[in-house]
Amino acid sequence: MNTTVCRQYKCAPKRFFFTSLLTAAMAIGYISIAIAQDKPEMKAGLTTLITDTPEAGFALAVKLSQKGVATTQTDPAIRKALRPSYAHDANSLIAVSHVVATHFQTIAAANDYWRK
């Protein structure tokens, strides 16, 4: 088998990861810009993805996920009214876990996986 082809296939997961990472980072930046433009008096709230520990990184991933929902559905009363419909839906909970995991993956990479 051609070794060039093998190398390309072995690199595909890494390329996919870094493409996903770049896309997520850009989305976070665009959301922050949109929030700041819509509400000039409100600070974006996110100044860095750097955290001291993986636990703090996970907490930040959860916060990013919550902020994403609040940015998408700006009415707190509607968010509260919708909560019971997805709170007992396994597919919705799995989807939420995926979003948090994606944010955590981005934060972990930004922190060089907490290796020094």
N, C-alpha and C. Protein backbone atom coordinates (compact mmCIF):
# COMPACT_ATOMS: atom_id res chain seq x y z
N MET A 1 0.83 -1.18 0.00
CA MET A 1 0.00 0.00 0.00
C MET A 1 0.88 1.24 0.00
N ASN A 2 0.44 2.27 -0.64
CA ASN A 2 1.17 3.51 -0.75
C ASN A 2 1.27 4.17 0.64
N THR A 3 2.50 4.47 1.09
CA THR A 3 2.67 5.04 2.44
C THR A 3 2.12 6.46 2.52
N THR A 4 2.09 7.18 1.42
CA THR A 4 1.52 8.53 1.43
C THR A 4 0.04 8.47 1.74
N VAL A 5 -0.65 7.52 1.16
CA VAL A 5 -2.08 7.37 1.41
C VAL A 5 -2.31 7.00 2.87
N CYS A 6 -1.49 6.08 3.42
CA CYS A 6 -1.63 5.68 4.83
C CYS A 6 -1.45 6.88 5.75
N ARG A 7 -0.44 7.70 5.45
CA ARG A 7 -0.21 8.87 6.30
C ARG A 7 -1.40 9.82 6.23
N GLN A 8 -1.98 9.97 5.04
CA GLN A 8 -3.13 10.87 4.90
C GLN A 8 -4.30 10.36 5.72
N TYR A 9 -4.57 9.08 5.70
CA TYR A 9 -5.69 8.54 6.46
C TYR A 9 -5.45 8.62 7.96
N LYS A 10 -4.21 8.42 8.40
CA LYS A 10 -3.90 8.51 9.83
C LYS A 10 -4.02 9.94 10.32
N CYS A 11 -3.79 10.90 9.45
CA CYS A 11 -3.87 12.31 9.84
C CYS A 11 -5.31 12.82 9.81
N ALA A 12 -6.21 12.11 9.16
CA ALA A 12 -7.59 12.60 9.01
C ALA A 12 -8.26 12.87 10.35
N PRO A 13 -8.16 11.99 11.35
CA PRO A 13 -8.80 12.31 12.64
C PRO A 13 -8.23 13.58 13.28
N LYS A 14 -6.91 13.78 13.16
CA LYS A 14 -6.31 14.99 13.72
C LYS A 14 -6.81 16.23 12.99
N ARG A 15 -6.89 16.14 11.65
CA ARG A 15 -7.40 17.27 10.88
C ARG A 15 -8.83 17.58 11.27
N PHE A 16 -9.64 16.53 11.43
CA PHE A 16 -11.04 16.72 11.83
C PHE A 16 -11.12 17.38 13.19
N PHE A 17 -10.30 16.93 14.15
CA PHE A 17 -10.29 17.50 15.49
C PHE A 17 -9.93 18.98 15.45
N PHE A 18 -8.84 19.32 14.75
CA PHE A 18 -8.41 20.70 14.74
C PHE A 18 -9.37 21.59 13.94
N THR A 19 -10.00 21.04 12.91
CA THR A 19 -11.02 21.80 12.19
C THR A 19 -12.20 22.07 13.10
N SER A 20 -12.62 21.06 13.87
CA SER A 20 -13.72 21.24 14.82
C SER A 20 -13.35 22.25 15.90
N LEU A 21 -12.12 22.16 16.37
CA LEU A 21 -11.63 23.08 17.39
C LEU A 21 -11.64 24.51 16.88
N LEU A 22 -11.16 24.72 15.68
CA LEU A 22 -11.15 26.05 15.09
C LEU A 22 -12.56 26.58 14.90
N THR A 23 -13.47 25.73 14.43
CA THR A 23 -14.86 26.13 14.24
C THR A 23 -15.50 26.52 15.56
N ALA A 24 -15.26 25.74 16.60
CA ALA A 24 -15.83 26.06 17.91
C ALA A 24 -15.27 27.36 18.46
N ALA A 25 -13.98 27.57 18.32
CA ALA A 25 -13.37 28.81 18.80
C ALA A 25 -13.91 30.02 18.05
N MET A 26 -14.10 29.87 16.74
CA MET A 26 -14.67 30.98 15.96
C MET A 26 -16.10 31.25 16.38
N ALA A 27 -16.87 30.20 16.63
CA ALA A 27 -18.26 30.38 17.05
C ALA A 27 -18.33 31.12 18.38
N ILE A 28 -17.45 30.75 19.31
CA ILE A 28 -17.42 31.43 20.61
C ILE A 28 -17.10 32.91 20.40
N GLY A 29 -16.15 33.19 19.55
CA GLY A 29 -15.80 34.59 19.27
C GLY A 29 -16.94 35.35 18.64
N TYR A 30 -17.62 34.74 17.67
CA TYR A 30 -18.74 35.41 17.02
C TYR A 30 -19.90 35.64 17.98
N ILE A 31 -20.16 34.68 18.86
CA ILE A 31 -21.23 34.85 19.85
C ILE A 31 -20.88 36.01 20.78
N SER A 32 -19.64 36.07 21.23
CA SER A 32 -19.21 37.15 22.11
C SER A 32 -19.35 38.50 21.44
N ILE A 33 -18.98 38.57 20.17
CA ILE A 33 -19.11 39.82 19.42
C ILE A 33 -20.57 40.19 19.26
N ALA A 34 -21.41 39.21 18.93
CA ALA A 34 -22.84 39.48 18.75
C ALA A 34 -23.47 39.96 20.04
N ILE A 35 -23.11 39.36 21.15
CA ILE A 35 -23.65 39.78 22.44
C ILE A 35 -23.22 41.22 22.73
N ALA A 36 -21.95 41.50 22.52
CA ALA A 36 -21.44 42.83 22.80
C ALA A 36 -22.09 43.88 21.90
N GLN A 37 -22.37 43.54 20.64
CA GLN A 37 -22.99 44.49 19.73
C GLN A 37 -24.47 44.70 20.06
N ASP A 38 -25.17 43.63 20.44
CA ASP A 38 -26.58 43.74 20.76
C ASP A 38 -26.81 44.51 22.06
N LYS A 39 -25.95 44.32 23.02
CA LYS A 39 -26.10 44.95 24.33
C LYS A 39 -24.76 45.59 24.70
N PRO A 40 -24.50 46.81 24.26
CA PRO A 40 -23.20 47.42 24.50
C PRO A 40 -22.85 47.55 25.98
N GLU A 41 -23.87 47.69 26.86
CA GLU A 41 -23.59 47.85 28.27
C GLU A 41 -23.22 46.54 28.94
N MET A 42 -23.49 45.42 28.28
CA MET A 42 -23.21 44.12 28.86
C MET A 42 -21.83 43.63 28.40
N LYS A 43 -21.02 43.16 29.34
CA LYS A 43 -19.72 42.61 28.98
C LYS A 43 -19.92 41.20 28.45
N ALA A 44 -19.05 40.77 27.56
CA ALA A 44 -19.15 39.43 26.97
C ALA A 44 -19.00 38.35 28.04
N GLY A 45 -18.21 38.60 29.08
CA GLY A 45 -18.10 37.65 30.17
C GLY A 45 -17.01 36.61 29.99
N LEU A 46 -16.54 36.40 28.80
CA LEU A 46 -15.51 35.40 28.54
C LEU A 46 -14.25 36.11 28.10
N THR A 47 -13.22 36.02 28.92
CA THR A 47 -11.98 36.69 28.56
C THR A 47 -10.88 35.71 28.18
N THR A 48 -11.01 34.46 28.62
CA THR A 48 -9.98 33.46 28.31
C THR A 48 -10.55 32.05 28.44
N LEU A 49 -9.93 31.13 27.75
CA LEU A 49 -10.26 29.72 27.90
C LEU A 49 -9.27 29.02 28.83
N ILE A 50 -8.29 29.76 29.31
CA ILE A 50 -7.25 29.18 30.15
C ILE A 50 -7.78 29.00 31.57
N THR A 51 -7.64 27.79 32.10
CA THR A 51 -8.05 27.48 33.46
C THR A 51 -6.91 26.76 34.17
N ASP A 52 -6.97 26.78 35.50
CA ASP A 52 -5.90 26.15 36.28
C ASP A 52 -5.98 24.63 36.30
N THR A 53 -7.21 24.10 36.29
CA THR A 53 -7.40 22.66 36.43
C THR A 53 -8.43 22.15 35.43
N PRO A 54 -8.43 20.86 35.17
CA PRO A 54 -9.47 20.28 34.33
C PRO A 54 -10.87 20.51 34.91
N GLU A 55 -11.00 20.50 36.23
CA GLU A 55 -12.30 20.72 36.85
C GLU A 55 -12.82 22.12 36.55
N ALA A 56 -11.93 23.11 36.63
CA ALA A 56 -12.31 24.48 36.28
C ALA A 56 -12.63 24.58 34.79
N GLY A 57 -11.91 23.82 33.97
CA GLY A 57 -12.20 23.79 32.54
C GLY A 57 -13.57 23.21 32.25
N PHE A 58 -13.94 22.17 32.99
CA PHE A 58 -15.26 21.57 32.81
C PHE A 58 -16.35 22.55 33.24
N ALA A 59 -16.12 23.25 34.36
CA ALA A 59 -17.09 24.25 34.81
C ALA A 59 -17.26 25.35 33.75
N LEU A 60 -16.17 25.74 33.12
CA LEU A 60 -16.24 26.73 32.05
C LEU A 60 -17.00 26.18 30.85
N ALA A 61 -16.81 24.90 30.53
CA ALA A 61 -17.54 24.27 29.42
C ALA A 61 -19.05 24.29 29.69
N VAL A 62 -19.44 24.01 30.92
CA VAL A 62 -20.86 24.05 31.28
C VAL A 62 -21.38 25.48 31.15
N LYS A 63 -20.59 26.46 31.63
CA LYS A 63 -21.00 27.86 31.54
C LYS A 63 -21.17 28.29 30.08
N LEU A 64 -20.25 27.88 29.22
CA LEU A 64 -20.36 28.21 27.80
C LEU A 64 -21.64 27.62 27.20
N SER A 65 -21.96 26.41 27.59
CA SER A 65 -23.18 25.77 27.09
C SER A 65 -24.41 26.52 27.56
N GLN A 66 -24.42 26.92 28.83
CA GLN A 66 -25.55 27.67 29.36
C GLN A 66 -25.68 29.02 28.67
N LYS A 67 -24.57 29.69 28.45
CA LYS A 67 -24.59 30.99 27.77
C LYS A 67 -25.06 30.84 26.33
N GLY A 68 -24.72 29.72 25.70
CA GLY A 68 -25.20 29.49 24.34
C GLY A 68 -26.70 29.38 24.28
N VAL A 69 -27.29 28.70 25.25
CA VAL A 69 -28.75 28.58 25.30
C VAL A 69 -29.37 29.94 25.58
N ALA A 70 -28.80 30.68 26.53
CA ALA A 70 -29.34 32.00 26.87
C ALA A 70 -29.21 32.98 25.71
N THR A 71 -28.17 32.82 24.91
CA THR A 71 -28.01 33.69 23.74
C THR A 71 -29.02 33.34 22.65
N THR A 72 -29.29 32.04 22.51
CA THR A 72 -30.24 31.59 21.49
C THR A 72 -31.67 31.92 21.88
N GLN A 73 -32.04 31.62 23.12
CA GLN A 73 -33.39 31.92 23.61
C GLN A 73 -33.24 32.98 24.70
N THR A 74 -33.46 34.23 24.33
CA THR A 74 -33.18 35.34 25.23
C THR A 74 -34.24 35.54 26.31
N ASP A 75 -35.41 34.96 26.17
CA ASP A 75 -36.47 35.15 27.14
C ASP A 75 -36.36 34.09 28.25
N PRO A 76 -36.01 34.50 29.49
CA PRO A 76 -35.86 33.53 30.57
C PRO A 76 -37.15 32.77 30.89
N ALA A 77 -38.30 33.41 30.73
CA ALA A 77 -39.58 32.74 31.02
C ALA A 77 -39.81 31.59 30.05
N ILE A 78 -39.46 31.79 28.79
CA ILE A 78 -39.62 30.72 27.79
C ILE A 78 -38.65 29.58 28.09
N ARG A 79 -37.39 29.93 28.44
CA ARG A 79 -36.42 28.87 28.78
C ARG A 79 -36.92 28.04 29.95
N LYS A 80 -37.47 28.72 30.96
CA LYS A 80 -37.98 28.00 32.13
C LYS A 80 -39.18 27.13 31.78
N ALA A 81 -40.05 27.64 30.89
CA ALA A 81 -41.23 26.88 30.48
C ALA A 81 -40.86 25.65 29.65
N LEU A 82 -39.78 25.74 28.88
CA LEU A 82 -39.35 24.62 28.03
C LEU A 82 -38.60 23.54 28.80
N ARG A 83 -38.04 23.90 29.94
CA ARG A 83 -37.20 22.97 30.70
C ARG A 83 -37.88 21.62 30.99
N PRO A 84 -39.13 21.58 31.45
CA PRO A 84 -39.74 20.28 31.75
C PRO A 84 -39.83 19.35 30.54
N SER A 85 -39.96 19.92 29.34
CA SER A 85 -40.11 19.06 28.16
C SER A 85 -38.82 18.32 27.81
N TYR A 86 -37.67 18.91 28.11
CA TYR A 86 -36.42 18.20 27.79
C TYR A 86 -35.75 17.58 29.02
N ALA A 87 -36.19 17.93 30.20
CA ALA A 87 -35.53 17.42 31.41
C ALA A 87 -35.66 15.91 31.57
N HIS A 88 -36.71 15.33 30.99
CA HIS A 88 -36.92 13.88 31.10
C HIS A 88 -36.76 13.17 29.76
N ASP A 89 -36.18 13.85 28.80
CA ASP A 89 -35.97 13.29 27.47
C ASP A 89 -34.50 12.87 27.33
N ALA A 90 -34.27 11.57 27.25
CA ALA A 90 -32.90 11.06 27.19
C ALA A 90 -32.12 11.62 26.01
N ASN A 91 -32.75 11.75 24.86
CA ASN A 91 -32.05 12.28 23.69
C ASN A 91 -31.62 13.72 23.90
N SER A 92 -32.46 14.51 24.53
CA SER A 92 -32.10 15.90 24.82
C SER A 92 -30.93 15.97 25.79
N LEU A 93 -30.95 15.12 26.80
CA LEU A 93 -29.87 15.12 27.79
C LEU A 93 -28.55 14.66 27.15
N ILE A 94 -28.62 13.69 26.26
CA ILE A 94 -27.42 13.24 25.55
C ILE A 94 -26.90 14.37 24.66
N ALA A 95 -27.79 15.10 24.01
CA ALA A 95 -27.38 16.22 23.16
C ALA A 95 -26.69 17.30 24.00
N VAL A 96 -27.22 17.58 25.18
CA VAL A 96 -26.60 18.56 26.07
C VAL A 96 -25.20 18.08 26.47
N SER A 97 -25.07 16.82 26.81
CA SER A 97 -23.77 16.27 27.18
C SER A 97 -22.77 16.41 26.04
N HIS A 98 -23.23 16.23 24.82
CA HIS A 98 -22.36 16.38 23.65
C HIS A 98 -21.87 17.82 23.51
N VAL A 99 -22.74 18.77 23.72
CA VAL A 99 -22.36 20.19 23.62
C VAL A 99 -21.32 20.52 24.69
N VAL A 100 -21.56 20.09 25.91
CA VAL A 100 -20.60 20.34 27.00
C VAL A 100 -19.27 19.67 26.67
N ALA A 101 -19.32 18.45 26.18
CA ALA A 101 -18.08 17.73 25.84
C ALA A 101 -17.31 18.44 24.74
N THR A 102 -18.01 18.98 23.77
CA THR A 102 -17.34 19.71 22.69
C THR A 102 -16.66 20.96 23.23
N HIS A 103 -17.36 21.69 24.10
CA HIS A 103 -16.74 22.87 24.72
C HIS A 103 -15.53 22.46 25.58
N PHE A 104 -15.67 21.37 26.33
CA PHE A 104 -14.57 20.92 27.17
C PHE A 104 -13.36 20.52 26.32
N GLN A 105 -13.62 19.90 25.19
CA GLN A 105 -12.53 19.50 24.28
C GLN A 105 -11.78 20.75 23.80
N THR A 106 -12.51 21.80 23.48
CA THR A 106 -11.89 23.04 23.03
C THR A 106 -11.06 23.66 24.15
N ILE A 107 -11.61 23.70 25.36
CA ILE A 107 -10.91 24.28 26.51
C ILE A 107 -9.68 23.45 26.86
N ALA A 108 -9.79 22.13 26.81
CA ALA A 108 -8.65 21.27 27.10
C ALA A 108 -7.52 21.52 26.11
N ALA A 109 -7.84 21.66 24.85
CA ALA A 109 -6.81 21.94 23.84
C ALA A 109 -6.18 23.30 24.08
N ALA A 110 -7.00 24.29 24.44
CA ALA A 110 -6.47 25.63 24.71
C ALA A 110 -5.52 25.62 25.90
N ASN A 111 -5.74 24.70 26.82
CA ASN A 111 -4.89 24.57 28.01
C ASN A 111 -3.78 23.55 27.82
N ASP A 112 -3.55 23.15 26.58
CA ASP A 112 -2.54 22.14 26.27
C ASP A 112 -2.75 20.91 27.15
N TYR A 113 -4.02 20.59 27.36
CA TYR A 113 -4.43 19.42 28.13
C TYR A 113 -3.83 19.42 29.55
N TRP A 114 -3.62 20.62 30.07
CA TRP A 114 -3.12 20.85 31.43
C TRP A 114 -1.76 20.22 31.67
N ARG A 115 -1.02 19.99 30.59
CA ARG A 115 0.37 19.52 30.71
C ARG A 115 1.30 20.71 30.69
N LYS A 116 2.32 20.63 31.46
CA LYS A 116 3.30 21.73 31.47
C LYS A 116 4.65 21.23 31.05
